[in-house]
Amino acid sequence: MTTTVEIGTLIVSTPGTCGTHPRIAQTRITVKNIAIDVNARLTPEQIIDQKPHLTRSQTQIYGLLAYSLANQDKLDADIAA
């Protein structure tokens, strides 16, 4: 049996954690960090390989990529700053 994952649960912002920047739930990997990897043209598989606590079976990285694409202008501004 497969379970349904609500995409809104994959990215969180928590006061006191990572400066409240959006991040993968249950990790300290921020959207900004992944956006930098994506801008460097790393594939999702390469990003997962660089983050040993993530596995290919986890959907967080793909949720984060979707979030990054939906908020690209803000992320680009954050990276530039």
C-alpha atoms as a PDB file:
ATOM      1  CA  MET A   1       0.000   0.000   0.000  1.00  0.00           C
ATOM      2  CA  THR A   2       1.346   3.433  -0.892  1.00  0.00           C
ATOM      3  CA  THR A   3       0.748   6.524   1.157  1.00  0.00           C
ATOM      4  CA  THR A   4      -0.113   9.951  -0.150  1.00  0.00           C
ATOM      5  CA  VAL A   5       2.272  12.747   0.775  1.00  0.00           C
ATOM      6  CA  GLU A   6       0.899  16.275   0.908  1.00  0.00           C
ATOM      7  CA  ILE A   7       3.454  18.452  -0.874  1.00  0.00           C
ATOM      8  CA  GLY A   8       2.850  21.229   1.646  1.00  0.00           C
ATOM      9  CA  THR A   9       4.349  19.065   4.382  1.00  0.00           C
ATOM     10  CA  LEU A  10       7.694  18.673   2.604  1.00  0.00           C
ATOM     11  CA  ILE A  11       8.897  22.267   3.087  1.00  0.00           C
ATOM     12  CA  VAL A  12       8.730  23.998   6.480  1.00  0.00           C
ATOM     13  CA  SER A  13       9.830  27.258   8.102  1.00  0.00           C
ATOM     14  CA  THR A  14      10.377  27.035  11.834  1.00  0.00           C
ATOM     15  CA  PRO A  15      11.281  29.920  14.150  1.00  0.00           C
ATOM     16  CA  GLY A  16      14.740  29.286  15.559  1.00  0.00           C
ATOM     17  CA  THR A  17      15.769  26.796  12.864  1.00  0.00           C
ATOM     18  CA  CYS A  18      17.862  27.890   9.873  1.00  0.00           C
ATOM     19  CA  GLY A  19      16.890  31.507  10.451  1.00  0.00           C
ATOM     20  CA  THR A  20      13.287  30.584   9.590  1.00  0.00           C
ATOM     21  CA  HIS A  21      14.333  30.044   5.955  1.00  0.00           C
ATOM     22  CA  PRO A  22      12.244  27.429   4.121  1.00  0.00           C
ATOM     23  CA  ARG A  23      13.875  23.989   4.394  1.00  0.00           C
ATOM     24  CA  ILE A  24      13.216  20.297   3.834  1.00  0.00           C
ATOM     25  CA  ALA A  25      11.075  19.062   6.727  1.00  0.00           C
ATOM     26  CA  GLN A  26      13.029  17.160   9.381  1.00  0.00           C
ATOM     27  CA  THR A  27      16.370  18.438   8.018  1.00  0.00           C
ATOM     28  CA  ARG A  28      18.464  21.597   8.055  1.00  0.00           C
ATOM     29  CA  ILE A  29      18.764  21.636   4.252  1.00  0.00           C
ATOM     30  CA  THR A  30      17.367  24.951   3.056  1.00  0.00           C
ATOM     31  CA  VAL A  31      15.637  25.704  -0.198  1.00  0.00           C
ATOM     32  CA  LYS A  32      18.368  28.264  -0.886  1.00  0.00           C
ATOM     33  CA  ASN A  33      21.084  25.601  -0.571  1.00  0.00           C
ATOM     34  CA  ILE A  34      19.332  23.361  -3.074  1.00  0.00           C
ATOM     35  CA  ALA A  35      18.647  26.301  -5.400  1.00  0.00           C
ATOM     36  CA  ILE A  36      22.392  26.974  -5.484  1.00  0.00           C
ATOM     37  CA  ASP A  37      22.977  23.317  -6.417  1.00  0.00           C
ATOM     38  CA  VAL A  38      20.324  23.521  -9.138  1.00  0.00           C
ATOM     39  CA  ASN A  39      21.874  26.731 -10.488  1.00  0.00           C
ATOM     40  CA  ALA A  40      25.159  24.796 -10.668  1.00  0.00           C
ATOM     41  CA  ARG A  41      23.275  22.325 -12.895  1.00  0.00           C
ATOM     42  CA  LEU A  42      23.359  19.402 -10.460  1.00  0.00           C
ATOM     43  CA  THR A  43      20.680  16.783 -11.071  1.00  0.00           C
ATOM     44  CA  PRO A  44      18.349  15.680  -8.255  1.00  0.00           C
ATOM     45  CA  GLU A  45      20.315  12.430  -8.094  1.00  0.00           C
ATOM     46  CA  GLN A  46      23.615  14.308  -7.713  1.00  0.00           C
ATOM     47  CA  ILE A  47      22.113  16.493  -4.986  1.00  0.00           C
ATOM     48  CA  ILE A  48      20.844  13.427  -3.128  1.00  0.00           C
ATOM     49  CA  ASP A  49      24.271  11.785  -3.483  1.00  0.00           C
ATOM     50  CA  GLN A  50      25.848  14.844  -1.829  1.00  0.00           C
ATOM     51  CA  LYS A  51      23.394  14.709   1.083  1.00  0.00           C
ATOM     52  CA  PRO A  52      23.979  11.249   2.637  1.00  0.00           C
ATOM     53  CA  HIS A  53      21.009  11.530   5.020  1.00  0.00           C
ATOM     54  CA  LEU A  54      18.643  11.765   2.050  1.00  0.00           C
ATOM     55  CA  THR A  55      17.872   8.713  -0.021  1.00  0.00           C
ATOM     56  CA  ARG A  56      16.470   8.212  -3.482  1.00  0.00           C
ATOM     57  CA  SER A  57      13.273   6.908  -1.909  1.00  0.00           C
ATOM     58  CA  GLN A  58      12.657  10.236  -0.176  1.00  0.00           C
ATOM     59  CA  THR A  59      10.403  12.739  -1.865  1.00  0.00           C
ATOM     60  CA  GLN A  60      11.679  15.795   0.021  1.00  0.00           C
ATOM     61  CA  ILE A  61      14.230  16.763  -2.605  1.00  0.00           C
ATOM     62  CA  TYR A  62      11.605  16.734  -5.344  1.00  0.00           C
ATOM     63  CA  GLY A  63       9.196  18.758  -3.220  1.00  0.00           C
ATOM     64  CA  LEU A  64      11.962  21.233  -2.571  1.00  0.00           C
ATOM     65  CA  LEU A  65      12.744  21.478  -6.264  1.00  0.00           C
ATOM     66  CA  ALA A  66       9.077  22.177  -7.015  1.00  0.00           C
ATOM     67  CA  TYR A  67       9.033  24.851  -4.295  1.00  0.00           C
ATOM     68  CA  SER A  68      12.238  26.343  -5.723  1.00  0.00           C
ATOM     69  CA  LEU A  69      10.793  26.578  -9.215  1.00  0.00           C
ATOM     70  CA  ALA A  70       7.584  28.141  -7.929  1.00  0.00           C
ATOM     71  CA  ASN A  71       9.566  30.749  -5.956  1.00  0.00           C
ATOM     72  CA  GLN A  72      12.520  31.228  -8.282  1.00  0.00           C
ATOM     73  CA  ASP A  73      12.528  35.050  -8.328  1.00  0.00           C
ATOM     74  CA  LYS A  74      12.691  35.270  -4.526  1.00  0.00           C
ATOM     75  CA  LEU A  75      15.366  32.583  -4.326  1.00  0.00           C
ATOM     76  CA  ASP A  76      17.470  34.293  -6.999  1.00  0.00           C
ATOM     77  CA  ALA A  77      17.266  37.524  -4.995  1.00  0.00           C
ATOM     78  CA  ASP A  78      18.251  35.697  -1.784  1.00  0.00           C
ATOM     79  CA  ILE A  79      21.205  34.040  -3.503  1.00  0.00           C
ATOM     80  CA  ALA A  80      22.345  37.353  -5.000  1.00  0.00           C
ATOM     81  CA  ALA A  81      22.222  38.980  -1.551  1.00  0.00           C
END
